[in-house]
Amino acid sequence: MTFLAIDAQKNLFTLQKSQLQFEQTLVMSRANYITKLMGNRADELGDDVDLEDDPTYVQLQQEESYLETRQDTLDSQISLMENEISSLKNLVTSNIKTSCTLNLIGS
């Protein structure tokens, strides 16, 4: 019966992974929007202005950098969750096989 608890934990990790993937989608969407805003701002300012001197453009760059860092963090967390889920899945399978073997031996 231990495998039921392990399976429940695996299901919880699967749910958490889904939440991380949802957040990842939101972050990617926001990063794409920021990139579009940066392009629009560069077009507004034209070629005569140094973008690094424009506070709005610099702020957008900083937000884009933050979102890239957040994306990397989410990628790492999702990878860890996938590893944990796989590990728990193997453990559940192993526990079921052991339980079935013990039932056969006990019969």
PDB file of N, CA and C in Angstrom:
ATOM      1  N   MET A   1       0.809  -1.212   0.000  1.00  0.00           N
ATOM      2  CA  MET A   1       0.000   0.000   0.000  1.00  0.00           C
ATOM      3  C   MET A   1       0.850   1.274   0.000  1.00  0.00           C
ATOM      4  N   THR A   2       2.133   1.129   0.231  1.00  0.00           N
ATOM      5  CA  THR A   2       3.015   2.286   0.193  1.00  0.00           C
ATOM      6  C   THR A   2       2.951   2.969  -1.165  1.00  0.00           C
ATOM      7  N   PHE A   3       2.758   2.166  -2.213  1.00  0.00           N
ATOM      8  CA  PHE A   3       2.746   2.732  -3.552  1.00  0.00           C
ATOM      9  C   PHE A   3       1.617   3.734  -3.748  1.00  0.00           C
ATOM     10  N   LEU A   4       0.533   3.614  -2.988  1.00  0.00           N
ATOM     11  CA  LEU A   4      -0.562   4.587  -3.097  1.00  0.00           C
ATOM     12  C   LEU A   4      -0.124   5.961  -2.618  1.00  0.00           C
ATOM     13  N   ALA A   5       0.613   6.003  -1.531  1.00  0.00           N
ATOM     14  CA  ALA A   5       1.122   7.275  -1.019  1.00  0.00           C
ATOM     15  C   ALA A   5       2.140   7.871  -1.987  1.00  0.00           C
ATOM     16  N   ILE A   6       2.984   7.013  -2.526  1.00  0.00           N
ATOM     17  CA  ILE A   6       3.990   7.487  -3.478  1.00  0.00           C
ATOM     18  C   ILE A   6       3.309   7.999  -4.745  1.00  0.00           C
ATOM     19  N   ASP A   7       2.290   7.297  -5.194  1.00  0.00           N
ATOM     20  CA  ASP A   7       1.548   7.722  -6.382  1.00  0.00           C
ATOM     21  C   ASP A   7       0.848   9.058  -6.132  1.00  0.00           C
ATOM     22  N   ALA A   8       0.319   9.238  -4.942  1.00  0.00           N
ATOM     23  CA  ALA A   8      -0.319  10.515  -4.595  1.00  0.00           C
ATOM     24  C   ALA A   8       0.707  11.646  -4.648  1.00  0.00           C
ATOM     25  N   GLN A   9       1.915  11.380  -4.151  1.00  0.00           N
ATOM     26  CA  GLN A   9       2.990  12.383  -4.202  1.00  0.00           C
ATOM     27  C   GLN A   9       3.360  12.680  -5.655  1.00  0.00           C
ATOM     28  N   LYS A  10       3.413  11.649  -6.485  1.00  0.00           N
ATOM     29  CA  LYS A  10       3.714  11.820  -7.908  1.00  0.00           C
ATOM     30  C   LYS A  10       2.644  12.701  -8.562  1.00  0.00           C
ATOM     31  N   ASN A  11       1.396  12.457  -8.216  1.00  0.00           N
ATOM     32  CA  ASN A  11       0.307  13.271  -8.768  1.00  0.00           C
ATOM     33  C   ASN A  11       0.404  14.721  -8.327  1.00  0.00           C
ATOM     34  N   LEU A  12       0.805  14.938  -7.098  1.00  0.00           N
ATOM     35  CA  LEU A  12       0.995  16.297  -6.602  1.00  0.00           C
ATOM     36  C   LEU A  12       2.122  16.986  -7.376  1.00  0.00           C
ATOM     37  N   PHE A  13       3.214  16.286  -7.610  1.00  0.00           N
ATOM     38  CA  PHE A  13       4.324  16.845  -8.383  1.00  0.00           C
ATOM     39  C   PHE A  13       3.893  17.140  -9.821  1.00  0.00           C
ATOM     40  N   THR A  14       3.052  16.284 -10.369  1.00  0.00           N
ATOM     41  CA  THR A  14       2.551  16.509 -11.724  1.00  0.00           C
ATOM     42  C   THR A  14       1.718  17.788 -11.775  1.00  0.00           C
ATOM     43  N   LEU A  15       0.900  17.995 -10.759  1.00  0.00           N
ATOM     44  CA  LEU A  15       0.108  19.219 -10.676  1.00  0.00           C
ATOM     45  C   LEU A  15       1.018  20.443 -10.544  1.00  0.00           C
ATOM     46  N   GLN A  16       2.029  20.361  -9.698  1.00  0.00           N
ATOM     47  CA  GLN A  16       2.962  21.469  -9.528  1.00  0.00           C
ATOM     48  C   GLN A  16       3.711  21.757 -10.831  1.00  0.00           C
ATOM     49  N   LYS A  17       4.076  20.717 -11.548  1.00  0.00           N
ATOM     50  CA  LYS A  17       4.746  20.890 -12.835  1.00  0.00           C
ATOM     51  C   LYS A  17       3.831  21.632 -13.807  1.00  0.00           C
ATOM     52  N   SER A  18       2.557  21.273 -13.806  1.00  0.00           N
ATOM     53  CA  SER A  18       1.589  21.950 -14.678  1.00  0.00           C
ATOM     54  C   SER A  18       1.472  23.431 -14.335  1.00  0.00           C
ATOM     55  N   GLN A  19       1.483  23.733 -13.051  1.00  0.00           N
ATOM     56  CA  GLN A  19       1.426  25.137 -12.629  1.00  0.00           C
ATOM     57  C   GLN A  19       2.667  25.890 -13.087  1.00  0.00           C
ATOM     58  N   LEU A  20       3.830  25.255 -12.978  1.00  0.00           N
ATOM     59  CA  LEU A  20       5.070  25.878 -13.441  1.00  0.00           C
ATOM     60  C   LEU A  20       5.041  26.099 -14.955  1.00  0.00           C
ATOM     61  N   GLN A  21       4.504  25.144 -15.679  1.00  0.00           N
ATOM     62  CA  GLN A  21       4.411  25.288 -17.125  1.00  0.00           C
ATOM     63  C   GLN A  21       3.456  26.421 -17.499  1.00  0.00           C
ATOM     64  N   PHE A  22       2.388  26.575 -16.735  1.00  0.00           N
ATOM     65  CA  PHE A  22       1.463  27.686 -16.967  1.00  0.00           C
ATOM     66  C   PHE A  22       2.165  29.014 -16.720  1.00  0.00           C
ATOM     67  N   GLU A  23       2.882  29.114 -15.617  1.00  0.00           N
ATOM     68  CA  GLU A  23       3.637  30.335 -15.326  1.00  0.00           C
ATOM     69  C   GLU A  23       4.667  30.598 -16.418  1.00  0.00           C
ATOM     70  N   GLN A  24       5.297  29.534 -16.904  1.00  0.00           N
ATOM     71  CA  GLN A  24       6.281  29.658 -17.966  1.00  0.00           C
ATOM     72  C   GLN A  24       5.640  30.261 -19.226  1.00  0.00           C
ATOM     73  N   THR A  25       4.440  29.829 -19.527  1.00  0.00           N
ATOM     74  CA  THR A  25       3.715  30.368 -20.679  1.00  0.00           C
ATOM     75  C   THR A  25       3.433  31.856 -20.492  1.00  0.00           C
ATOM     76  N   LEU A  26       3.028  32.230 -19.291  1.00  0.00           N
ATOM     77  CA  LEU A  26       2.764  33.643 -19.000  1.00  0.00           C
ATOM     78  C   LEU A  26       4.036  34.480 -19.128  1.00  0.00           C
ATOM     79  N   VAL A  27       5.139  33.961 -18.601  1.00  0.00           N
ATOM     80  CA  VAL A  27       6.414  34.685 -18.662  1.00  0.00           C
ATOM     81  C   VAL A  27       6.856  34.843 -20.116  1.00  0.00           C
ATOM     82  N   MET A  28       6.718  33.782 -20.906  1.00  0.00           N
ATOM     83  CA  MET A  28       7.097  33.853 -22.313  1.00  0.00           C
ATOM     84  C   MET A  28       6.240  34.869 -23.064  1.00  0.00           C
ATOM     85  N   SER A  29       4.963  34.886 -22.758  1.00  0.00           N
ATOM     86  CA  SER A  29       4.054  35.833 -23.390  1.00  0.00           C
ATOM     87  C   SER A  29       4.442  37.269 -23.031  1.00  0.00           C
ATOM     88  N   ARG A  30       4.726  37.480 -21.760  1.00  0.00           N
ATOM     89  CA  ARG A  30       5.136  38.817 -21.308  1.00  0.00           C
ATOM     90  C   ARG A  30       6.463  39.231 -21.955  1.00  0.00           C
ATOM     91  N   ALA A  31       7.403  38.302 -22.056  1.00  0.00           N
ATOM     92  CA  ALA A  31       8.709  38.603 -22.672  1.00  0.00           C
ATOM     93  C   ALA A  31       8.527  38.977 -24.146  1.00  0.00           C
ATOM     94  N   ASN A  32       7.650  38.268 -24.839  1.00  0.00           N
ATOM     95  CA  ASN A  32       7.381  38.602 -26.245  1.00  0.00           C
ATOM     96  C   ASN A  32       6.770  39.990 -26.375  1.00  0.00           C
ATOM     97  N   TYR A  33       5.879  40.321 -25.451  1.00  0.00           N
ATOM     98  CA  TYR A  33       5.257  41.644 -25.456  1.00  0.00           C
ATOM     99  C   TYR A  33       6.293  42.736 -25.195  1.00  0.00           C
ATOM    100  N   ILE A  34       7.191  42.500 -24.242  1.00  0.00           N
ATOM    101  CA  ILE A  34       8.242  43.470 -23.919  1.00  0.00           C
ATOM    102  C   ILE A  34       9.160  43.671 -25.127  1.00  0.00           C
ATOM    103  N   THR A  35       9.496  42.583 -25.803  1.00  0.00           N
ATOM    104  CA  THR A  35      10.341  42.671 -26.998  1.00  0.00           C
ATOM    105  C   THR A  35       9.661  43.521 -28.073  1.00  0.00           C
ATOM    106  N   LYS A  36       8.356  43.328 -28.220  1.00  0.00           N
ATOM    107  CA  LYS A  36       7.596  44.134 -29.183  1.00  0.00           C
ATOM    108  C   LYS A  36       7.618  45.607 -28.780  1.00  0.00           C
ATOM    109  N   LEU A  37       7.428  45.876 -27.480  1.00  0.00           N
ATOM    110  CA  LEU A  37       7.466  47.263 -27.005  1.00  0.00           C
ATOM    111  C   LEU A  37       8.837  47.893 -27.238  1.00  0.00           C
ATOM    112  N   MET A  38       9.882  47.107 -27.037  1.00  0.00           N
ATOM    113  CA  MET A  38      11.239  47.625 -27.265  1.00  0.00           C
ATOM    114  C   MET A  38      11.427  47.997 -28.737  1.00  0.00           C
ATOM    115  N   GLY A  39      10.925  47.164 -29.625  1.00  0.00           N
ATOM    116  CA  GLY A  39      11.015  47.466 -31.058  1.00  0.00           C
ATOM    117  C   GLY A  39      10.234  48.716 -31.417  1.00  0.00           C
ATOM    118  N   ASN A  40       9.033  48.841 -30.843  1.00  0.00           N
ATOM    119  CA  ASN A  40       8.215  50.030 -31.092  1.00  0.00           C
ATOM    120  C   ASN A  40       8.910  51.285 -30.579  1.00  0.00           C
ATOM    121  N   ARG A  41       9.515  51.170 -29.394  1.00  0.00           N
ATOM    122  CA  ARG A  41      10.207  52.321 -28.800  1.00  0.00           C
ATOM    123  C   ARG A  41      11.413  52.726 -29.651  1.00  0.00           C
ATOM    124  N   ALA A  42      12.137  51.737 -30.148  1.00  0.00           N
ATOM    125  CA  ALA A  42      13.288  52.022 -31.008  1.00  0.00           C
ATOM    126  C   ALA A  42      12.832  52.710 -32.295  1.00  0.00           C
ATOM    127  N   ASP A  43      11.700  52.260 -32.831  1.00  0.00           N
ATOM    128  CA  ASP A  43      11.158  52.903 -34.039  1.00  0.00           C
ATOM    129  C   ASP A  43      10.734  54.338 -33.757  1.00  0.00           C
ATOM    130  N   GLU A  44      10.110  54.570 -32.593  1.00  0.00           N
ATOM    131  CA  GLU A  44       9.670  55.917 -32.212  1.00  0.00           C
ATOM    132  C   GLU A  44      10.851  56.874 -32.105  1.00  0.00           C
ATOM    133  N   LEU A  45      11.924  56.403 -31.491  1.00  0.00           N
ATOM    134  CA  LEU A  45      13.078  57.259 -31.249  1.00  0.00           C
ATOM    135  C   LEU A  45      13.907  57.493 -32.507  1.00  0.00           C
ATOM    136  N   GLY A  46      13.874  56.554 -33.407  1.00  0.00           N
ATOM    137  CA  GLY A  46      14.625  56.698 -34.648  1.00  0.00           C
ATOM    138  C   GLY A  46      16.100  56.388 -34.455  1.00  0.00           C
ATOM    139  N   ASP A  47      16.849  56.581 -35.526  1.00  0.00           N
ATOM    140  CA  ASP A  47      18.269  56.230 -35.521  1.00  0.00           C
ATOM    141  C   ASP A  47      19.148  57.286 -34.859  1.00  0.00           C
ATOM    142  N   ASP A  48      18.617  58.484 -34.651  1.00  0.00           N
ATOM    143  CA  ASP A  48      19.423  59.587 -34.118  1.00  0.00           C
ATOM    144  C   ASP A  48      19.631  59.507 -32.609  1.00  0.00           C
ATOM    145  N   VAL A  49      18.837  58.711 -31.919  1.00  0.00           N
ATOM    146  CA  VAL A  49      18.882  58.658 -30.453  1.00  0.00           C
ATOM    147  C   VAL A  49      19.540  57.343 -30.004  1.00  0.00           C
ATOM    148  N   ASP A  50      20.429  57.463 -29.026  1.00  0.00           N
ATOM    149  CA  ASP A  50      21.039  56.263 -28.440  1.00  0.00           C
ATOM    150  C   ASP A  50      20.022  55.640 -27.487  1.00  0.00           C
ATOM    151  N   LEU A  51      19.657  54.402 -27.781  1.00  0.00           N
ATOM    152  CA  LEU A  51      18.629  53.725 -26.983  1.00  0.00           C
ATOM    153  C   LEU A  51      19.042  53.576 -25.520  1.00  0.00           C
ATOM    154  N   GLU A  52      20.329  53.460 -25.263  1.00  0.00           N
ATOM    155  CA  GLU A  52      20.814  53.302 -23.885  1.00  0.00           C
ATOM    156  C   GLU A  52      20.599  54.575 -23.049  1.00  0.00           C
ATOM    157  N   ASP A  53      20.310  55.690 -23.701  1.00  0.00           N
ATOM    158  CA  ASP A  53      20.051  56.941 -22.985  1.00  0.00           C
ATOM    159  C   ASP A  53      18.564  57.165 -22.714  1.00  0.00           C
ATOM    160  N   ASP A  54      17.725  56.324 -23.293  1.00  0.00           N
ATOM    161  CA  ASP A  54      16.286  56.469 -23.126  1.00  0.00           C
ATOM    162  C   ASP A  54      15.822  55.658 -21.915  1.00  0.00           C
ATOM    163  N   PRO A  55      15.286  56.340 -20.887  1.00  0.00           N
ATOM    164  CA  PRO A  55      14.887  55.626 -19.664  1.00  0.00           C
ATOM    165  C   PRO A  55      13.804  54.568 -19.906  1.00  0.00           C
ATOM    166  N   THR A  56      12.881  54.822 -20.804  1.00  0.00           N
ATOM    167  CA  THR A  56      11.828  53.850 -21.087  1.00  0.00           C
ATOM    168  C   THR A  56      12.413  52.587 -21.708  1.00  0.00           C
ATOM    169  N   TYR A  57      13.298  52.776 -22.666  1.00  0.00           N
ATOM    170  CA  TYR A  57      13.919  51.628 -23.322  1.00  0.00           C
ATOM    171  C   TYR A  57      14.773  50.839 -22.331  1.00  0.00           C
ATOM    172  N   VAL A  58      15.518  51.541 -21.478  1.00  0.00           N
ATOM    173  CA  VAL A  58      16.352  50.880 -20.470  1.00  0.00           C
ATOM    174  C   VAL A  58      15.489  50.077 -19.506  1.00  0.00           C
ATOM    175  N   GLN A  59      14.352  50.648 -19.106  1.00  0.00           N
ATOM    176  CA  GLN A  59      13.442  49.932 -18.209  1.00  0.00           C
ATOM    177  C   GLN A  59      12.920  48.659 -18.879  1.00  0.00           C
ATOM    178  N   LEU A  60      12.569  48.765 -20.145  1.00  0.00           N
ATOM    179  CA  LEU A  60      12.098  47.589 -20.881  1.00  0.00           C
ATOM    180  C   LEU A  60      13.188  46.527 -20.979  1.00  0.00           C
ATOM    181  N   GLN A  61      14.415  46.960 -21.194  1.00  0.00           N
ATOM    182  CA  GLN A  61      15.539  46.024 -21.243  1.00  0.00           C
ATOM    183  C   GLN A  61      15.707  45.296 -19.916  1.00  0.00           C
ATOM    184  N   GLN A  62      15.583  46.045 -18.827  1.00  0.00           N
ATOM    185  CA  GLN A  62      15.727  45.438 -17.504  1.00  0.00           C
ATOM    186  C   GLN A  62      14.613  44.429 -17.244  1.00  0.00           C
ATOM    187  N   GLU A  63      13.397  44.778 -17.648  1.00  0.00           N
ATOM    188  CA  GLU A  63      12.288  43.843 -17.457  1.00  0.00           C
ATOM    189  C   GLU A  63      12.480  42.596 -18.323  1.00  0.00           C
ATOM    190  N   GLU A  64      12.968  42.787 -19.532  1.00  0.00           N
ATOM    191  CA  GLU A  64      13.235  41.650 -20.410  1.00  0.00           C
ATOM    192  C   GLU A  64      14.307  40.741 -19.797  1.00  0.00           C
ATOM    193  N   SER A  65      15.322  41.345 -19.226  1.00  0.00           N
ATOM    194  CA  SER A  65      16.391  40.572 -18.576  1.00  0.00           C
ATOM    195  C   SER A  65      15.840  39.779 -17.389  1.00  0.00           C
ATOM    196  N   TYR A  66      15.003  40.419 -16.586  1.00  0.00           N
ATOM    197  CA  TYR A  66      14.375  39.727 -15.457  1.00  0.00           C
ATOM    198  C   TYR A  66      13.558  38.537 -15.945  1.00  0.00           C
ATOM    199  N   LEU A  67      12.779  38.753 -17.001  1.00  0.00           N
ATOM    200  CA  LEU A  67      11.924  37.687 -17.521  1.00  0.00           C
ATOM    201  C   LEU A  67      12.759  36.528 -18.075  1.00  0.00           C
ATOM    202  N   GLU A  68      13.884  36.834 -18.683  1.00  0.00           N
ATOM    203  CA  GLU A  68      14.776  35.774 -19.165  1.00  0.00           C
ATOM    204  C   GLU A  68      15.316  34.956 -17.990  1.00  0.00           C
ATOM    205  N   THR A  69      15.684  35.646 -16.919  1.00  0.00           N
ATOM    206  CA  THR A  69      16.170  34.962 -15.718  1.00  0.00           C
ATOM    207  C   THR A  69      15.064  34.104 -15.118  1.00  0.00           C
ATOM    208  N   ARG A  70      13.863  34.636 -15.064  1.00  0.00           N
ATOM    209  CA  ARG A  70      12.719  33.892 -14.523  1.00  0.00           C
ATOM    210  C   ARG A  70      12.445  32.663 -15.390  1.00  0.00           C
ATOM    211  N   GLN A  71      12.566  32.839 -16.698  1.00  0.00           N
ATOM    212  CA  GLN A  71      12.353  31.715 -17.626  1.00  0.00           C
ATOM    213  C   GLN A  71      13.368  30.607 -17.357  1.00  0.00           C
ATOM    214  N   ASP A  72      14.616  30.979 -17.149  1.00  0.00           N
ATOM    215  CA  ASP A  72      15.659  29.989 -16.848  1.00  0.00           C
ATOM    216  C   ASP A  72      15.348  29.250 -15.542  1.00  0.00           C
ATOM    217  N   THR A  73      14.896  30.005 -14.554  1.00  0.00           N
ATOM    218  CA  THR A  73      14.546  29.407 -13.266  1.00  0.00           C
ATOM    219  C   THR A  73      13.391  28.417 -13.423  1.00  0.00           C
ATOM    220  N   LEU A  74      12.382  28.812 -14.179  1.00  0.00           N
ATOM    221  CA  LEU A  74      11.237  27.932 -14.412  1.00  0.00           C
ATOM    222  C   LEU A  74      11.658  26.673 -15.175  1.00  0.00           C
ATOM    223  N   ASP A  75      12.531  26.833 -16.155  1.00  0.00           N
ATOM    224  CA  ASP A  75      13.036  25.671 -16.888  1.00  0.00           C
ATOM    225  C   ASP A  75      13.701  24.685 -15.936  1.00  0.00           C
ATOM    226  N   SER A  76      14.523  25.211 -15.033  1.00  0.00           N
ATOM    227  CA  SER A  76      15.209  24.351 -14.058  1.00  0.00           C
ATOM    228  C   SER A  76      14.219  23.654 -13.135  1.00  0.00           C
ATOM    229  N   GLN A  77      13.238  24.406 -12.646  1.00  0.00           N
ATOM    230  CA  GLN A  77      12.249  23.829 -11.741  1.00  0.00           C
ATOM    231  C   GLN A  77      11.422  22.749 -12.436  1.00  0.00           C
ATOM    232  N   ILE A  78      11.052  22.994 -13.678  1.00  0.00           N
ATOM    233  CA  ILE A  78      10.269  22.000 -14.431  1.00  0.00           C
ATOM    234  C   ILE A  78      11.098  20.744 -14.653  1.00  0.00           C
ATOM    235  N   SER A  79      12.357  20.934 -14.969  1.00  0.00           N
ATOM    236  CA  SER A  79      13.244  19.780 -15.161  1.00  0.00           C
ATOM    237  C   SER A  79      13.362  18.955 -13.883  1.00  0.00           C
ATOM    238  N   LEU A  80      13.512  19.636 -12.752  1.00  0.00           N
ATOM    239  CA  LEU A  80      13.577  18.933 -11.465  1.00  0.00           C
ATOM    240  C   LEU A  80      12.285  18.178 -11.185  1.00  0.00           C
ATOM    241  N   MET A  81      11.165  18.805 -11.466  1.00  0.00           N
ATOM    242  CA  MET A  81       9.880  18.147 -11.236  1.00  0.00           C
ATOM    243  C   MET A  81       9.741  16.918 -12.129  1.00  0.00           C
ATOM    244  N   GLU A  82      10.165  17.036 -13.376  1.00  0.00           N
ATOM    245  CA  GLU A  82      10.095  15.889 -14.287  1.00  0.00           C
ATOM    246  C   GLU A  82      10.941  14.732 -13.773  1.00  0.00           C
ATOM    247  N   ASN A  83      12.127  15.053 -13.253  1.00  0.00           N
ATOM    248  CA  ASN A  83      12.993  14.013 -12.689  1.00  0.00           C
ATOM    249  C   ASN A  83      12.344  13.351 -11.476  1.00  0.00           C
ATOM    250  N   GLU A  84      11.751  14.148 -10.604  1.00  0.00           N
ATOM    251  CA  GLU A  84      11.078  13.610  -9.419  1.00  0.00           C
ATOM    252  C   GLU A  84       9.888  12.740  -9.811  1.00  0.00           C
ATOM    253  N   ILE A  85       9.120  13.206 -10.780  1.00  0.00           N
ATOM    254  CA  ILE A  85       7.949  12.448 -11.241  1.00  0.00           C
ATOM    255  C   ILE A  85       8.392  11.098 -11.811  1.00  0.00           C
ATOM    256  N   SER A  86       9.426  11.133 -12.623  1.00  0.00           N
ATOM    257  CA  SER A  86       9.945   9.891 -13.210  1.00  0.00           C
ATOM    258  C   SER A  86      10.437   8.944 -12.126  1.00  0.00           C
ATOM    259  N   SER A  87      11.146   9.497 -11.164  1.00  0.00           N
ATOM    260  CA  SER A  87      11.665   8.685 -10.065  1.00  0.00           C
ATOM    261  C   SER A  87      10.530   8.052  -9.259  1.00  0.00           C
ATOM    262  N   LEU A  88       9.521   8.847  -8.953  1.00  0.00           N
ATOM    263  CA  LEU A  88       8.377   8.322  -8.202  1.00  0.00           C
ATOM    264  C   LEU A  88       7.592   7.297  -9.009  1.00  0.00           C
ATOM    265  N   LYS A  89       7.491   7.523 -10.303  1.00  0.00           N
ATOM    266  CA  LYS A  89       6.795   6.564 -11.164  1.00  0.00           C
ATOM    267  C   LYS A  89       7.512   5.214 -11.124  1.00  0.00           C
ATOM    268  N   ASN A  90       8.838   5.254 -11.206  1.00  0.00           N
ATOM    269  CA  ASN A  90       9.618   4.011 -11.126  1.00  0.00           C
ATOM    270  C   ASN A  90       9.451   3.344  -9.769  1.00  0.00           C
ATOM    271  N   LEU A  91       9.414   4.159  -8.724  1.00  0.00           N
ATOM    272  CA  LEU A  91       9.242   3.620  -7.372  1.00  0.00           C
ATOM    273  C   LEU A  91       7.879   2.962  -7.212  1.00  0.00           C
ATOM    274  N   VAL A  92       6.838   3.592  -7.747  1.00  0.00           N
ATOM    275  CA  VAL A  92       5.493   3.016  -7.689  1.00  0.00           C
ATOM    276  C   VAL A  92       5.471   1.678  -8.418  1.00  0.00           C
ATOM    277  N   THR A  93       6.026   1.665  -9.611  1.00  0.00           N
ATOM    278  CA  THR A  93       6.063   0.423 -10.399  1.00  0.00           C
ATOM    279  C   THR A  93       6.794  -0.678  -9.638  1.00  0.00           C
ATOM    280  N   SER A  94       7.922  -0.315  -9.058  1.00  0.00           N
ATOM    281  CA  SER A  94       8.705  -1.279  -8.290  1.00  0.00           C
ATOM    282  C   SER A  94       7.925  -1.803  -7.091  1.00  0.00           C
ATOM    283  N   ASN A  95       7.244  -0.902  -6.374  1.00  0.00           N
ATOM    284  CA  ASN A  95       6.458  -1.307  -5.206  1.00  0.00           C
ATOM    285  C   ASN A  95       5.287  -2.199  -5.594  1.00  0.00           C
ATOM    286  N   ILE A  96       4.664  -1.917  -6.729  1.00  0.00           N
ATOM    287  CA  ILE A  96       3.556  -2.763  -7.185  1.00  0.00           C
ATOM    288  C   ILE A  96       4.072  -4.158  -7.525  1.00  0.00           C
ATOM    289  N   LYS A  97       5.186  -4.214  -8.230  1.00  0.00           N
ATOM    290  CA  LYS A  97       5.763  -5.522  -8.581  1.00  0.00           C
ATOM    291  C   LYS A  97       6.139  -6.309  -7.329  1.00  0.00           C
ATOM    292  N   THR A  98       6.743  -5.626  -6.358  1.00  0.00           N
ATOM    293  CA  THR A  98       7.123  -6.290  -5.105  1.00  0.00           C
ATOM    294  C   THR A  98       5.890  -6.792  -4.378  1.00  0.00           C
ATOM    295  N   SER A  99       4.858  -5.971  -4.334  1.00  0.00           N
ATOM    296  CA  SER A  99       3.620  -6.354  -3.661  1.00  0.00           C
ATOM    297  C   SER A  99       2.985  -7.570  -4.340  1.00  0.00           C
ATOM    298  N   CYS A 100       2.980  -7.567  -5.656  1.00  0.00           N
ATOM    299  CA  CYS A 100       2.404  -8.708  -6.393  1.00  0.00           C
ATOM    300  C   CYS A 100       3.231  -9.971  -6.157  1.00  0.00           C
ATOM    301  N   THR A 101       4.546  -9.817  -6.138  1.00  0.00           N
ATOM    302  CA  THR A 101       5.428 -10.958  -5.890  1.00  0.00           C
ATOM    303  C   THR A 101       5.185 -11.535  -4.495  1.00  0.00           C
ATOM    304  N   LEU A 102       5.075 -10.648  -3.522  1.00  0.00           N
ATOM    305  CA  LEU A 102       4.818 -11.104  -2.154  1.00  0.00           C
ATOM    306  C   LEU A 102       3.456 -11.789  -2.057  1.00  0.00           C
ATOM    307  N   ASN A 103       2.472 -11.283  -2.765  1.00  0.00           N
ATOM    308  CA  ASN A 103       1.149 -11.922  -2.752  1.00  0.00           C
ATOM    309  C   ASN A 103       1.210 -13.316  -3.378  1.00  0.00           C
ATOM    310  N   LEU A 104       1.990 -13.451  -4.447  1.00  0.00           N
ATOM    311  CA  LEU A 104       2.124 -14.763  -5.084  1.00  0.00           C
ATOM    312  C   LEU A 104       2.849 -15.741  -4.192  1.00  0.00           C
ATOM    313  N   ILE A 105       3.885 -15.254  -3.514  1.00  0.00           N
ATOM    314  CA  ILE A 105       4.651 -16.124  -2.607  1.00  0.00           C
ATOM    315  C   ILE A 105       3.785 -16.538  -1.423  1.00  0.00           C
ATOM    316  N   GLY A 106       2.962 -15.617  -0.928  1.00  0.00           N
ATOM    317  CA  GLY A 106       2.122 -15.894   0.228  1.00  0.00           C
ATOM    318  C   GLY A 106       0.941 -16.779  -0.085  1.00  0.00           C
ATOM    319  N   SER A 107       0.618 -16.947  -1.342  1.00  0.00           N
ATOM    320  CA  SER A 107      -0.570 -17.756  -1.720  1.00  0.00           C
ATOM    321  C   SER A 107      -0.325 -19.226  -1.618  1.00  0.00           C
TER     322      SER A 107
END
